Amino acid sequence: MQVLVAGGTGFIGTHLCTELAERGHEVTALSRNPTAEDADEFPDEVDLSTGDVSAYDSIVDAVADHDAIVNLVALSPLYQPPGGTDHETVHLGGTENLVRAAEEHGVDRFLQLSALGADPDGPTAYIRTKGRAESIVREAALSWTIVRPAVVFGDGGEFLSFAKRLTTPYLTGLPGGGKTRFQPIWVGDFVPILADALEDSHVGRTYEIGGPQVVTLADATELVYEADGRPVTILPIPMALTKFGLIAVDPLPFVPFGTDQARSLEFDNTVAENDVQAFGVEPADLLTLGAYLGVRDGTPRERSRPLA
């Protein structure tokens, strides 16, 4: 199968392009600004193509002669969008353009990477535009599959660096005490599932994919610093105070967090039912965050008092 991976030079995309090439597919990684370093990350069988999904004319020719498109292009839910971009342009406009190009060139297969909680009426711009993008895919004349992952971690991912950027070792504050729950999945476990999702048996399905264990943001923070050999004590910062402080810095381009990111910490990033078993995978076989970091066999420690 000839597969075009939009966002192919990103964290997940680099792993997916390699996985697909190793399975014998002809793979093209589509990127807005591919570099020589990007090319070095791939096997020789992976081609690089330049295109910006928010600009239709820049991608329409790249879509031609492919059997399948995988749309991985996304802005971070953890950080404010960089200048000149926004969720609507990238998630909604980008998906519209890829779907339109696929229909124009007769590409039948379309795999959309969405997000847990995607909802056109959701509480953040990230969640709302992911939900609206799903609607575009479902209404298209394509054989589609939608995958909604929990946060994906691994070398080059942003989840662990986010925990560090938000905190300090030894003594730190976290919004709401870090009680937001995540179900992180290792990229090495997630990418084979994503590759399998291109199979015909998964057409017309939406899957929620999570890791083997639910951890709070506080758990993740403790695991990260324990892996560095440094303890951390977490102090709760009321969510109302967090949002009030971020309102003042929201317009500042050098501040990576804003009120939308604070709102994202008010709801959990966990699956209702873990659909990994639809891909022949048992949750217990997946790598935990702690095991990846090499600490406490992946089990968050018990606290003597609740986070308040």
C-alpha atoms as a PDB file:
ATOM      1  CA  MET A   1       0.000   0.000   0.000  1.00  0.00           C
ATOM      2  CA  GLN A   2       1.203   3.543  -0.796  1.00  0.00           C
ATOM      3  CA  VAL A   3       0.692   5.612   2.353  1.00  0.00           C
ATOM      4  CA  LEU A   4       1.032   9.368   2.806  1.00  0.00           C
ATOM      5  CA  VAL A   5       1.604  10.313   6.448  1.00  0.00           C
ATOM      6  CA  ALA A   6       0.762  13.977   7.056  1.00  0.00           C
ATOM      7  CA  GLY A   7       2.819  15.115  10.014  1.00  0.00           C
ATOM      8  CA  GLY A   8       5.221  12.299   9.227  1.00  0.00           C
ATOM      9  CA  THR A   9       8.289  14.000  10.687  1.00  0.00           C
ATOM     10  CA  GLY A  10       6.683  14.587  14.101  1.00  0.00           C
ATOM     11  CA  PHE A  11       7.053  12.512  17.255  1.00  0.00           C
ATOM     12  CA  ILE A  12       4.462   9.874  16.379  1.00  0.00           C
ATOM     13  CA  GLY A  13       4.902  10.291  12.633  1.00  0.00           C
ATOM     14  CA  THR A  14       8.583   9.368  12.625  1.00  0.00           C
ATOM     15  CA  HIS A  15       7.836   6.116  14.428  1.00  0.00           C
ATOM     16  CA  LEU A  16       4.801   5.345  12.260  1.00  0.00           C
ATOM     17  CA  CYS A  17       6.582   5.935   8.940  1.00  0.00           C
ATOM     18  CA  THR A  18       9.342   3.564  10.039  1.00  0.00           C
ATOM     19  CA  GLU A  19       6.821   0.945  11.203  1.00  0.00           C
ATOM     20  CA  LEU A  20       4.871   1.096   7.933  1.00  0.00           C
ATOM     21  CA  ALA A  21       8.043   0.891   5.831  1.00  0.00           C
ATOM     22  CA  GLU A  22       9.203  -2.151   7.814  1.00  0.00           C
ATOM     23  CA  ARG A  23       5.837  -3.768   7.029  1.00  0.00           C
ATOM     24  CA  GLY A  24       6.539  -3.366   3.321  1.00  0.00           C
ATOM     25  CA  HIS A  25       4.412  -0.309   2.548  1.00  0.00           C
ATOM     26  CA  GLU A  26       5.599   2.536   0.305  1.00  0.00           C
ATOM     27  CA  VAL A  27       5.613   5.521   2.653  1.00  0.00           C
ATOM     28  CA  THR A  28       5.809   9.279   2.121  1.00  0.00           C
ATOM     29  CA  ALA A  29       6.221  11.592   5.098  1.00  0.00           C
ATOM     30  CA  LEU A  30       4.520  14.930   4.454  1.00  0.00           C
ATOM     31  CA  SER A  31       5.943  17.844   6.420  1.00  0.00           C
ATOM     32  CA  ARG A  32       5.662  21.619   6.299  1.00  0.00           C
ATOM     33  CA  ASN A  33       9.436  22.035   6.606  1.00  0.00           C
ATOM     34  CA  PRO A  34      11.300  18.748   6.148  1.00  0.00           C
ATOM     35  CA  THR A  35      15.014  18.846   6.867  1.00  0.00           C
ATOM     36  CA  ALA A  36      18.066  16.705   6.185  1.00  0.00           C
ATOM     37  CA  GLU A  37      17.934  15.647   9.846  1.00  0.00           C
ATOM     38  CA  ASP A  38      14.373  14.412   9.287  1.00  0.00           C
ATOM     39  CA  ALA A  39      15.555  12.252   6.400  1.00  0.00           C
ATOM     40  CA  ASP A  40      18.225  10.709   8.625  1.00  0.00           C
ATOM     41  CA  GLU A  41      15.508   9.490  11.014  1.00  0.00           C
ATOM     42  CA  PHE A  42      13.910   7.253   8.387  1.00  0.00           C
ATOM     43  CA  PRO A  43      14.821   4.073   6.533  1.00  0.00           C
ATOM     44  CA  ASP A  44      15.789   4.656   2.901  1.00  0.00           C
ATOM     45  CA  GLU A  45      12.355   3.397   1.824  1.00  0.00           C
ATOM     46  CA  VAL A  46      10.572   6.468   3.278  1.00  0.00           C
ATOM     47  CA  ASP A  47      10.263   9.497   1.008  1.00  0.00           C
ATOM     48  CA  LEU A  48       9.895  13.090   2.192  1.00  0.00           C
ATOM     49  CA  SER A  49       7.429  15.563   0.704  1.00  0.00           C
ATOM     50  CA  THR A  50       6.883  19.246   1.481  1.00  0.00           C
ATOM     51  CA  GLY A  51       3.385  20.534   2.164  1.00  0.00           C
ATOM     52  CA  ASP A  52       1.348  22.545   4.660  1.00  0.00           C
ATOM     53  CA  VAL A  53      -2.047  20.976   5.343  1.00  0.00           C
ATOM     54  CA  SER A  54      -3.512  24.425   6.003  1.00  0.00           C
ATOM     55  CA  ALA A  55      -2.686  25.395   2.381  1.00  0.00           C
ATOM     56  CA  TYR A  56      -4.569  23.153  -0.047  1.00  0.00           C
ATOM     57  CA  ASP A  57      -2.476  23.939  -3.120  1.00  0.00           C
ATOM     58  CA  SER A  58       0.681  22.857  -1.305  1.00  0.00           C
ATOM     59  CA  ILE A  59      -0.584  19.324  -0.585  1.00  0.00           C
ATOM     60  CA  VAL A  60      -2.977  18.367  -3.391  1.00  0.00           C
ATOM     61  CA  ASP A  61      -0.258  17.022  -5.694  1.00  0.00           C
ATOM     62  CA  ALA A  62       1.445  15.133  -2.855  1.00  0.00           C
ATOM     63  CA  VAL A  63      -1.772  13.215  -2.196  1.00  0.00           C
ATOM     64  CA  ALA A  64      -1.946  11.860  -5.748  1.00  0.00           C
ATOM     65  CA  ASP A  65      -1.004   8.214  -6.366  1.00  0.00           C
ATOM     66  CA  HIS A  66      -1.480   7.133  -2.772  1.00  0.00           C
ATOM     67  CA  ASP A  67      -3.814   4.429  -1.478  1.00  0.00           C
ATOM     68  CA  ALA A  68      -4.121   5.799   2.043  1.00  0.00           C
ATOM     69  CA  ILE A  69      -3.657   8.996   4.022  1.00  0.00           C
ATOM     70  CA  VAL A  70      -2.831   9.172   7.719  1.00  0.00           C
ATOM     71  CA  ASN A  71      -3.497  12.572   9.271  1.00  0.00           C
ATOM     72  CA  LEU A  72      -1.287  13.112  12.320  1.00  0.00           C
ATOM     73  CA  VAL A  73      -0.993  16.883  12.042  1.00  0.00           C
ATOM     74  CA  ALA A  74      -1.873  18.542  15.333  1.00  0.00           C
ATOM     75  CA  LEU A  75      -0.992  21.342  17.675  1.00  0.00           C
ATOM     76  CA  SER A  76      -0.153  20.537  21.268  1.00  0.00           C
ATOM     77  CA  PRO A  77      -2.966  20.422  23.843  1.00  0.00           C
ATOM     78  CA  LEU A  78      -0.380  21.197  26.543  1.00  0.00           C
ATOM     79  CA  TYR A  79       1.057  24.445  25.177  1.00  0.00           C
ATOM     80  CA  GLN A  80      -0.320  27.566  23.542  1.00  0.00           C
ATOM     81  CA  PRO A  81      -0.125  27.437  19.724  1.00  0.00           C
ATOM     82  CA  PRO A  82       2.980  29.134  18.323  1.00  0.00           C
ATOM     83  CA  GLY A  83       2.517  32.496  16.661  1.00  0.00           C
ATOM     84  CA  GLY A  84       0.721  32.448  13.325  1.00  0.00           C
ATOM     85  CA  THR A  85      -1.135  29.210  13.988  1.00  0.00           C
ATOM     86  CA  ASP A  86      -4.350  28.212  15.708  1.00  0.00           C
ATOM     87  CA  HIS A  87      -6.329  25.049  16.353  1.00  0.00           C
ATOM     88  CA  GLU A  88      -9.050  25.873  13.853  1.00  0.00           C
ATOM     89  CA  THR A  89      -6.621  26.381  10.978  1.00  0.00           C
ATOM     90  CA  VAL A  90      -4.541  23.299  11.706  1.00  0.00           C
ATOM     91  CA  HIS A  91      -7.039  20.736  13.009  1.00  0.00           C
ATOM     92  CA  LEU A  92     -10.160  21.761  11.127  1.00  0.00           C
ATOM     93  CA  GLY A  93      -8.749  23.417   8.006  1.00  0.00           C
ATOM     94  CA  GLY A  94      -5.976  20.853   7.690  1.00  0.00           C
ATOM     95  CA  THR A  95      -8.396  17.942   7.878  1.00  0.00           C
ATOM     96  CA  GLU A  96     -10.746  19.588   5.373  1.00  0.00           C
ATOM     97  CA  ASN A  97      -7.882  20.019   2.919  1.00  0.00           C
ATOM     98  CA  LEU A  98      -6.596  16.469   3.258  1.00  0.00           C
ATOM     99  CA  VAL A  99     -10.101  15.008   2.879  1.00  0.00           C
ATOM    100  CA  ARG A 100     -10.778  17.197  -0.155  1.00  0.00           C
ATOM    101  CA  ALA A 101      -7.477  16.191  -1.792  1.00  0.00           C
ATOM    102  CA  ALA A 102      -8.136  12.512  -1.032  1.00  0.00           C
ATOM    103  CA  GLU A 103     -11.567  12.683  -2.645  1.00  0.00           C
ATOM    104  CA  GLU A 104     -10.205  14.544  -5.658  1.00  0.00           C
ATOM    105  CA  HIS A 105      -7.506  11.937  -6.296  1.00  0.00           C
ATOM    106  CA  GLY A 106      -9.620   8.894  -5.505  1.00  0.00           C
ATOM    107  CA  VAL A 107      -7.721   7.946  -2.349  1.00  0.00           C
ATOM    108  CA  ASP A 108     -10.022   5.565  -0.521  1.00  0.00           C
ATOM    109  CA  ARG A 109      -8.402   4.974   2.877  1.00  0.00           C
ATOM    110  CA  PHE A 110      -8.195   7.735   5.510  1.00  0.00           C
ATOM    111  CA  LEU A 111      -6.890   7.351   9.070  1.00  0.00           C
ATOM    112  CA  GLN A 112      -7.488  10.300  11.395  1.00  0.00           C
ATOM    113  CA  LEU A 113      -5.555  10.756  14.631  1.00  0.00           C
ATOM    114  CA  SER A 114      -7.940  12.528  16.983  1.00  0.00           C
ATOM    115  CA  ALA A 115      -7.926  12.924  20.762  1.00  0.00           C
ATOM    116  CA  LEU A 116      -9.709  11.555  23.806  1.00  0.00           C
ATOM    117  CA  GLY A 117     -12.773  13.657  24.555  1.00  0.00           C
ATOM    118  CA  ALA A 118     -12.944  15.153  21.056  1.00  0.00           C
ATOM    119  CA  ASP A 119     -16.214  17.093  21.005  1.00  0.00           C
ATOM    120  CA  PRO A 120     -17.399  20.009  18.834  1.00  0.00           C
ATOM    121  CA  ASP A 121     -18.824  21.544  22.020  1.00  0.00           C
ATOM    122  CA  GLY A 122     -15.864  20.679  24.239  1.00  0.00           C
ATOM    123  CA  PRO A 123     -14.242  22.933  26.857  1.00  0.00           C
ATOM    124  CA  THR A 124     -11.026  23.805  24.964  1.00  0.00           C
ATOM    125  CA  ALA A 125     -10.172  24.886  21.435  1.00  0.00           C
ATOM    126  CA  TYR A 126      -8.086  21.737  21.014  1.00  0.00           C
ATOM    127  CA  ILE A 127     -10.966  19.423  21.950  1.00  0.00           C
ATOM    128  CA  ARG A 128     -13.557  21.396  19.957  1.00  0.00           C
ATOM    129  CA  THR A 129     -11.568  21.459  16.719  1.00  0.00           C
ATOM    130  CA  LYS A 130     -10.614  17.799  17.067  1.00  0.00           C
ATOM    131  CA  GLY A 131     -14.325  17.005  17.416  1.00  0.00           C
ATOM    132  CA  ARG A 132     -15.286  19.069  14.382  1.00  0.00           C
ATOM    133  CA  ALA A 133     -12.489  17.467  12.358  1.00  0.00           C
ATOM    134  CA  GLU A 134     -13.895  14.029  13.209  1.00  0.00           C
ATOM    135  CA  SER A 135     -17.251  15.096  11.755  1.00  0.00           C
ATOM    136  CA  ILE A 136     -15.575  16.079   8.489  1.00  0.00           C
ATOM    137  CA  VAL A 137     -13.905  12.663   8.239  1.00  0.00           C
ATOM    138  CA  ARG A 138     -17.095  10.741   9.005  1.00  0.00           C
ATOM    139  CA  GLU A 139     -19.058  12.675   6.380  1.00  0.00           C
ATOM    140  CA  ALA A 140     -16.437  12.151   3.655  1.00  0.00           C
ATOM    141  CA  ALA A 141     -16.761   9.688   0.803  1.00  0.00           C
ATOM    142  CA  LEU A 142     -13.825   7.713   2.199  1.00  0.00           C
ATOM    143  CA  SER A 143     -13.158   4.485   4.071  1.00  0.00           C
ATOM    144  CA  TRP A 144     -12.215   6.132   7.336  1.00  0.00           C
ATOM    145  CA  THR A 145     -10.952   5.116  10.747  1.00  0.00           C
ATOM    146  CA  ILE A 146     -10.562   7.450  13.730  1.00  0.00           C
ATOM    147  CA  VAL A 147      -8.171   6.771  16.592  1.00  0.00           C
ATOM    148  CA  ARG A 148      -8.417   8.747  19.819  1.00  0.00           C
ATOM    149  CA  PRO A 149      -5.285   8.170  21.892  1.00  0.00           C
ATOM    150  CA  ALA A 150      -4.556   9.165  25.436  1.00  0.00           C
ATOM    151  CA  VAL A 151      -1.331  11.104  25.864  1.00  0.00           C
ATOM    152  CA  VAL A 152       1.551   9.332  24.096  1.00  0.00           C
ATOM    153  CA  PHE A 153       4.977   9.300  25.746  1.00  0.00           C
ATOM    154  CA  GLY A 154       8.464   8.264  24.721  1.00  0.00           C
ATOM    155  CA  ASP A 155      11.780   9.652  23.539  1.00  0.00           C
ATOM    156  CA  GLY A 156      11.048  12.927  21.773  1.00  0.00           C
ATOM    157  CA  GLY A 157       7.534  13.252  23.215  1.00  0.00           C
ATOM    158  CA  GLU A 158       6.369  16.267  25.159  1.00  0.00           C
ATOM    159  CA  PHE A 159       4.421  14.783  28.070  1.00  0.00           C
ATOM    160  CA  LEU A 160       7.412  14.219  30.351  1.00  0.00           C
ATOM    161  CA  SER A 161       9.096  17.479  29.382  1.00  0.00           C
ATOM    162  CA  PHE A 162       5.776  19.222  30.092  1.00  0.00           C
ATOM    163  CA  ALA A 163       5.753  17.808  33.630  1.00  0.00           C
ATOM    164  CA  LYS A 164       9.257  19.182  34.160  1.00  0.00           C
ATOM    165  CA  ARG A 165       8.552  22.530  32.565  1.00  0.00           C
ATOM    166  CA  LEU A 166       5.511  22.995  34.761  1.00  0.00           C
ATOM    167  CA  THR A 167       7.363  22.148  37.967  1.00  0.00           C
ATOM    168  CA  THR A 168      10.636  22.235  39.893  1.00  0.00           C
ATOM    169  CA  PRO A 169      12.343  19.477  41.897  1.00  0.00           C
ATOM    170  CA  TYR A 170      12.148  19.192  45.676  1.00  0.00           C
ATOM    171  CA  LEU A 171       9.164  21.533  46.184  1.00  0.00           C
ATOM    172  CA  THR A 172       6.661  22.564  43.535  1.00  0.00           C
ATOM    173  CA  GLY A 173       3.102  23.678  43.007  1.00  0.00           C
ATOM    174  CA  LEU A 174       0.660  22.072  40.598  1.00  0.00           C
ATOM    175  CA  PRO A 175      -2.762  23.336  39.492  1.00  0.00           C
ATOM    176  CA  GLY A 176      -5.385  21.541  41.537  1.00  0.00           C
ATOM    177  CA  GLY A 177      -2.612  19.601  43.241  1.00  0.00           C
ATOM    178  CA  GLY A 178      -1.951  17.668  40.039  1.00  0.00           C
ATOM    179  CA  LYS A 179      -5.108  15.561  40.370  1.00  0.00           C
ATOM    180  CA  THR A 180      -5.814  15.483  36.622  1.00  0.00           C
ATOM    181  CA  ARG A 181      -5.761  11.827  35.542  1.00  0.00           C
ATOM    182  CA  PHE A 182      -3.944  10.554  32.457  1.00  0.00           C
ATOM    183  CA  GLN A 183      -3.679   7.129  30.864  1.00  0.00           C
ATOM    184  CA  PRO A 184      -0.365   7.457  29.006  1.00  0.00           C
ATOM    185  CA  ILE A 185       0.640   4.979  26.330  1.00  0.00           C
ATOM    186  CA  TRP A 186       4.211   4.408  25.147  1.00  0.00           C
ATOM    187  CA  VAL A 187       4.821   5.328  21.513  1.00  0.00           C
ATOM    188  CA  GLY A 188       6.406   1.908  20.931  1.00  0.00           C
ATOM    189  CA  ASP A 189       3.121   0.269  21.943  1.00  0.00           C
ATOM    190  CA  PHE A 190       0.870   2.783  20.214  1.00  0.00           C
ATOM    191  CA  VAL A 191       2.420   2.932  16.746  1.00  0.00           C
ATOM    192  CA  PRO A 192       1.851  -0.756  15.853  1.00  0.00           C
ATOM    193  CA  ILE A 193      -1.798  -0.275  16.813  1.00  0.00           C
ATOM    194  CA  LEU A 194      -1.980   2.789  14.587  1.00  0.00           C
ATOM    195  CA  ALA A 195      -0.437   0.865  11.702  1.00  0.00           C
ATOM    196  CA  ASP A 196      -2.912  -1.993  12.207  1.00  0.00           C
ATOM    197  CA  ALA A 197      -5.773   0.546  12.095  1.00  0.00           C
ATOM    198  CA  LEU A 198      -5.158   0.909   8.341  1.00  0.00           C
ATOM    199  CA  GLU A 199      -6.462  -2.621   7.799  1.00  0.00           C
ATOM    200  CA  ASP A 200      -9.910  -2.976   6.193  1.00  0.00           C
ATOM    201  CA  SER A 201     -11.398  -4.631   9.280  1.00  0.00           C
ATOM    202  CA  HIS A 202     -11.197  -1.291  11.111  1.00  0.00           C
ATOM    203  CA  VAL A 203     -13.036   0.828   8.519  1.00  0.00           C
ATOM    204  CA  GLY A 204     -15.847   2.981   9.900  1.00  0.00           C
ATOM    205  CA  ARG A 205     -14.729   2.568  13.501  1.00  0.00           C
ATOM    206  CA  THR A 206     -13.635   5.006  16.208  1.00  0.00           C
ATOM    207  CA  TYR A 207     -11.208   3.652  18.787  1.00  0.00           C
ATOM    208  CA  GLU A 208     -10.125   5.022  22.156  1.00  0.00           C
ATOM    209  CA  ILE A 209      -6.614   3.874  22.992  1.00  0.00           C
ATOM    210  CA  GLY A 210      -4.952   4.214  26.390  1.00  0.00           C
ATOM    211  CA  GLY A 211      -2.063   2.779  28.321  1.00  0.00           C
ATOM    212  CA  PRO A 212      -2.094   0.101  31.028  1.00  0.00           C
ATOM    213  CA  GLN A 213      -2.337   2.422  34.011  1.00  0.00           C
ATOM    214  CA  VAL A 214      -4.014   5.644  35.095  1.00  0.00           C
ATOM    215  CA  VAL A 215      -1.686   8.187  36.709  1.00  0.00           C
ATOM    216  CA  THR A 216      -2.282  11.695  37.944  1.00  0.00           C
ATOM    217  CA  LEU A 217      -0.174  14.633  36.856  1.00  0.00           C
ATOM    218  CA  ALA A 218       1.291  14.522  40.360  1.00  0.00           C
ATOM    219  CA  ASP A 219       2.178  10.844  39.881  1.00  0.00           C
ATOM    220  CA  ALA A 220       3.887  11.608  36.576  1.00  0.00           C
ATOM    221  CA  THR A 221       5.813  14.497  38.112  1.00  0.00           C
ATOM    222  CA  GLU A 222       7.066  12.327  40.961  1.00  0.00           C
ATOM    223  CA  LEU A 223       8.099   9.551  38.574  1.00  0.00           C
ATOM    224  CA  VAL A 224      10.016  11.978  36.348  1.00  0.00           C
ATOM    225  CA  TYR A 225      12.001  13.447  39.225  1.00  0.00           C
ATOM    226  CA  GLU A 226      12.569  10.072  40.855  1.00  0.00           C
ATOM    227  CA  ALA A 227      14.116   8.917  37.576  1.00  0.00           C
ATOM    228  CA  ASP A 228      16.493  11.880  37.916  1.00  0.00           C
ATOM    229  CA  GLY A 229      17.300  10.923  41.496  1.00  0.00           C
ATOM    230  CA  ARG A 230      15.573  13.981  42.941  1.00  0.00           C
ATOM    231  CA  PRO A 231      12.520  13.927  45.230  1.00  0.00           C
ATOM    232  CA  VAL A 232       9.631  16.339  44.889  1.00  0.00           C
ATOM    233  CA  THR A 233       6.889  17.477  47.241  1.00  0.00           C
ATOM    234  CA  ILE A 234       3.779  18.812  45.535  1.00  0.00           C
ATOM    235  CA  LEU A 235       1.767  21.727  46.834  1.00  0.00           C
ATOM    236  CA  PRO A 236      -1.729  22.345  45.453  1.00  0.00           C
ATOM    237  CA  ILE A 237      -2.475  25.589  43.606  1.00  0.00           C
ATOM    238  CA  PRO A 238      -6.233  26.252  43.382  1.00  0.00           C
ATOM    239  CA  MET A 239      -7.469  26.027  39.791  1.00  0.00           C
ATOM    240  CA  ALA A 240      -9.246  29.372  40.128  1.00  0.00           C
ATOM    241  CA  LEU A 241      -5.959  31.029  41.118  1.00  0.00           C
ATOM    242  CA  THR A 242      -4.139  29.272  38.278  1.00  0.00           C
ATOM    243  CA  LYS A 243      -6.595  30.547  35.692  1.00  0.00           C
ATOM    244  CA  PHE A 244      -6.617  34.043  37.167  1.00  0.00           C
ATOM    245  CA  GLY A 245      -2.840  34.246  36.904  1.00  0.00           C
ATOM    246  CA  LEU A 246      -2.816  32.911  33.350  1.00  0.00           C
ATOM    247  CA  ILE A 247      -5.380  35.471  32.180  1.00  0.00           C
ATOM    248  CA  ALA A 248      -2.733  38.149  32.754  1.00  0.00           C
ATOM    249  CA  VAL A 249      -0.054  36.359  30.738  1.00  0.00           C
ATOM    250  CA  ASP A 250      -2.287  34.821  28.042  1.00  0.00           C
ATOM    251  CA  PRO A 251      -1.388  37.464  25.422  1.00  0.00           C
ATOM    252  CA  LEU A 252       2.364  37.148  25.996  1.00  0.00           C
ATOM    253  CA  PRO A 253       3.969  35.095  23.177  1.00  0.00           C
ATOM    254  CA  PHE A 254       6.856  33.849  25.334  1.00  0.00           C
ATOM    255  CA  VAL A 255       4.555  32.235  27.942  1.00  0.00           C
ATOM    256  CA  PRO A 256       3.816  28.636  26.809  1.00  0.00           C
ATOM    257  CA  PHE A 257       0.699  28.108  28.961  1.00  0.00           C
ATOM    258  CA  GLY A 258      -2.609  29.950  28.831  1.00  0.00           C
ATOM    259  CA  THR A 259      -6.155  29.734  30.107  1.00  0.00           C
ATOM    260  CA  ASP A 260      -7.072  27.094  27.517  1.00  0.00           C
ATOM    261  CA  GLN A 261      -4.276  24.869  28.816  1.00  0.00           C
ATOM    262  CA  ALA A 262      -5.482  25.430  32.388  1.00  0.00           C
ATOM    263  CA  ARG A 263      -8.978  24.328  31.341  1.00  0.00           C
ATOM    264  CA  SER A 264      -7.485  21.140  29.877  1.00  0.00           C
ATOM    265  CA  LEU A 265      -6.308  20.219  33.396  1.00  0.00           C
ATOM    266  CA  GLU A 266      -9.894  20.318  34.673  1.00  0.00           C
ATOM    267  CA  PHE A 267     -10.894  17.072  32.930  1.00  0.00           C
ATOM    268  CA  ASP A 268      -9.242  13.662  32.771  1.00  0.00           C
ATOM    269  CA  ASN A 269      -7.415  12.165  29.798  1.00  0.00           C
ATOM    270  CA  THR A 270      -8.568   8.572  30.263  1.00  0.00           C
ATOM    271  CA  VAL A 271     -10.561   6.082  28.199  1.00  0.00           C
ATOM    272  CA  ALA A 272     -14.054   4.873  29.027  1.00  0.00           C
ATOM    273  CA  GLU A 273     -13.121   1.470  27.582  1.00  0.00           C
ATOM    274  CA  ASN A 274      -9.665   0.653  26.303  1.00  0.00           C
ATOM    275  CA  ASP A 275      -9.966  -0.501  22.696  1.00  0.00           C
ATOM    276  CA  VAL A 276      -6.440  -1.936  22.480  1.00  0.00           C
ATOM    277  CA  GLN A 277      -7.981  -5.399  22.581  1.00  0.00           C
ATOM    278  CA  ALA A 278      -9.552  -4.745  19.170  1.00  0.00           C
ATOM    279  CA  PHE A 279      -5.966  -4.932  17.912  1.00  0.00           C
ATOM    280  CA  GLY A 280      -5.090  -8.145  19.718  1.00  0.00           C
ATOM    281  CA  VAL A 281      -3.336  -6.333  22.573  1.00  0.00           C
ATOM    282  CA  GLU A 282      -3.917  -6.811  26.296  1.00  0.00           C
ATOM    283  CA  PRO A 283      -3.540  -3.687  28.495  1.00  0.00           C
ATOM    284  CA  ALA A 284      -1.362  -5.633  30.925  1.00  0.00           C
ATOM    285  CA  ASP A 285       1.191  -6.196  28.155  1.00  0.00           C
ATOM    286  CA  LEU A 286       1.745  -2.458  27.633  1.00  0.00           C
ATOM    287  CA  LEU A 287       4.659  -0.522  29.101  1.00  0.00           C
ATOM    288  CA  THR A 288       3.850   1.663  32.107  1.00  0.00           C
ATOM    289  CA  LEU A 289       5.231   5.170  32.472  1.00  0.00           C
ATOM    290  CA  GLY A 290       7.264   4.238  35.533  1.00  0.00           C
ATOM    291  CA  ALA A 291       8.717   1.144  33.875  1.00  0.00           C
ATOM    292  CA  TYR A 292       9.753   3.276  30.894  1.00  0.00           C
ATOM    293  CA  LEU A 293      11.522   5.632  33.313  1.00  0.00           C
ATOM    294  CA  GLY A 294      13.080   2.707  35.162  1.00  0.00           C
ATOM    295  CA  VAL A 295      11.592   3.478  38.570  1.00  0.00           C
ATOM    296  CA  ARG A 296       9.321   1.565  40.962  1.00  0.00           C
ATOM    297  CA  ASP A 297       8.314  -0.934  38.269  1.00  0.00           C
ATOM    298  CA  GLY A 298       5.869   1.688  37.085  1.00  0.00           C
ATOM    299  CA  THR A 299       3.662   1.897  40.161  1.00  0.00           C
ATOM    300  CA  PRO A 300       2.900   5.361  41.609  1.00  0.00           C
ATOM    301  CA  ARG A 301       3.578   5.402  45.338  1.00  0.00           C
ATOM    302  CA  GLU A 302       0.803   5.622  47.915  1.00  0.00           C
ATOM    303  CA  ARG A 303       0.367   9.018  49.531  1.00  0.00           C
ATOM    304  CA  SER A 304      -0.224   9.438  53.257  1.00  0.00           C
ATOM    305  CA  ARG A 305      -2.705  12.232  52.574  1.00  0.00           C
ATOM    306  CA  PRO A 306      -4.842  13.146  49.565  1.00  0.00           C
ATOM    307  CA  LEU A 307      -3.917  15.939  47.204  1.00  0.00           C
ATOM    308  CA  ALA A 308      -6.209  18.867  47.935  1.00  0.00           C
END
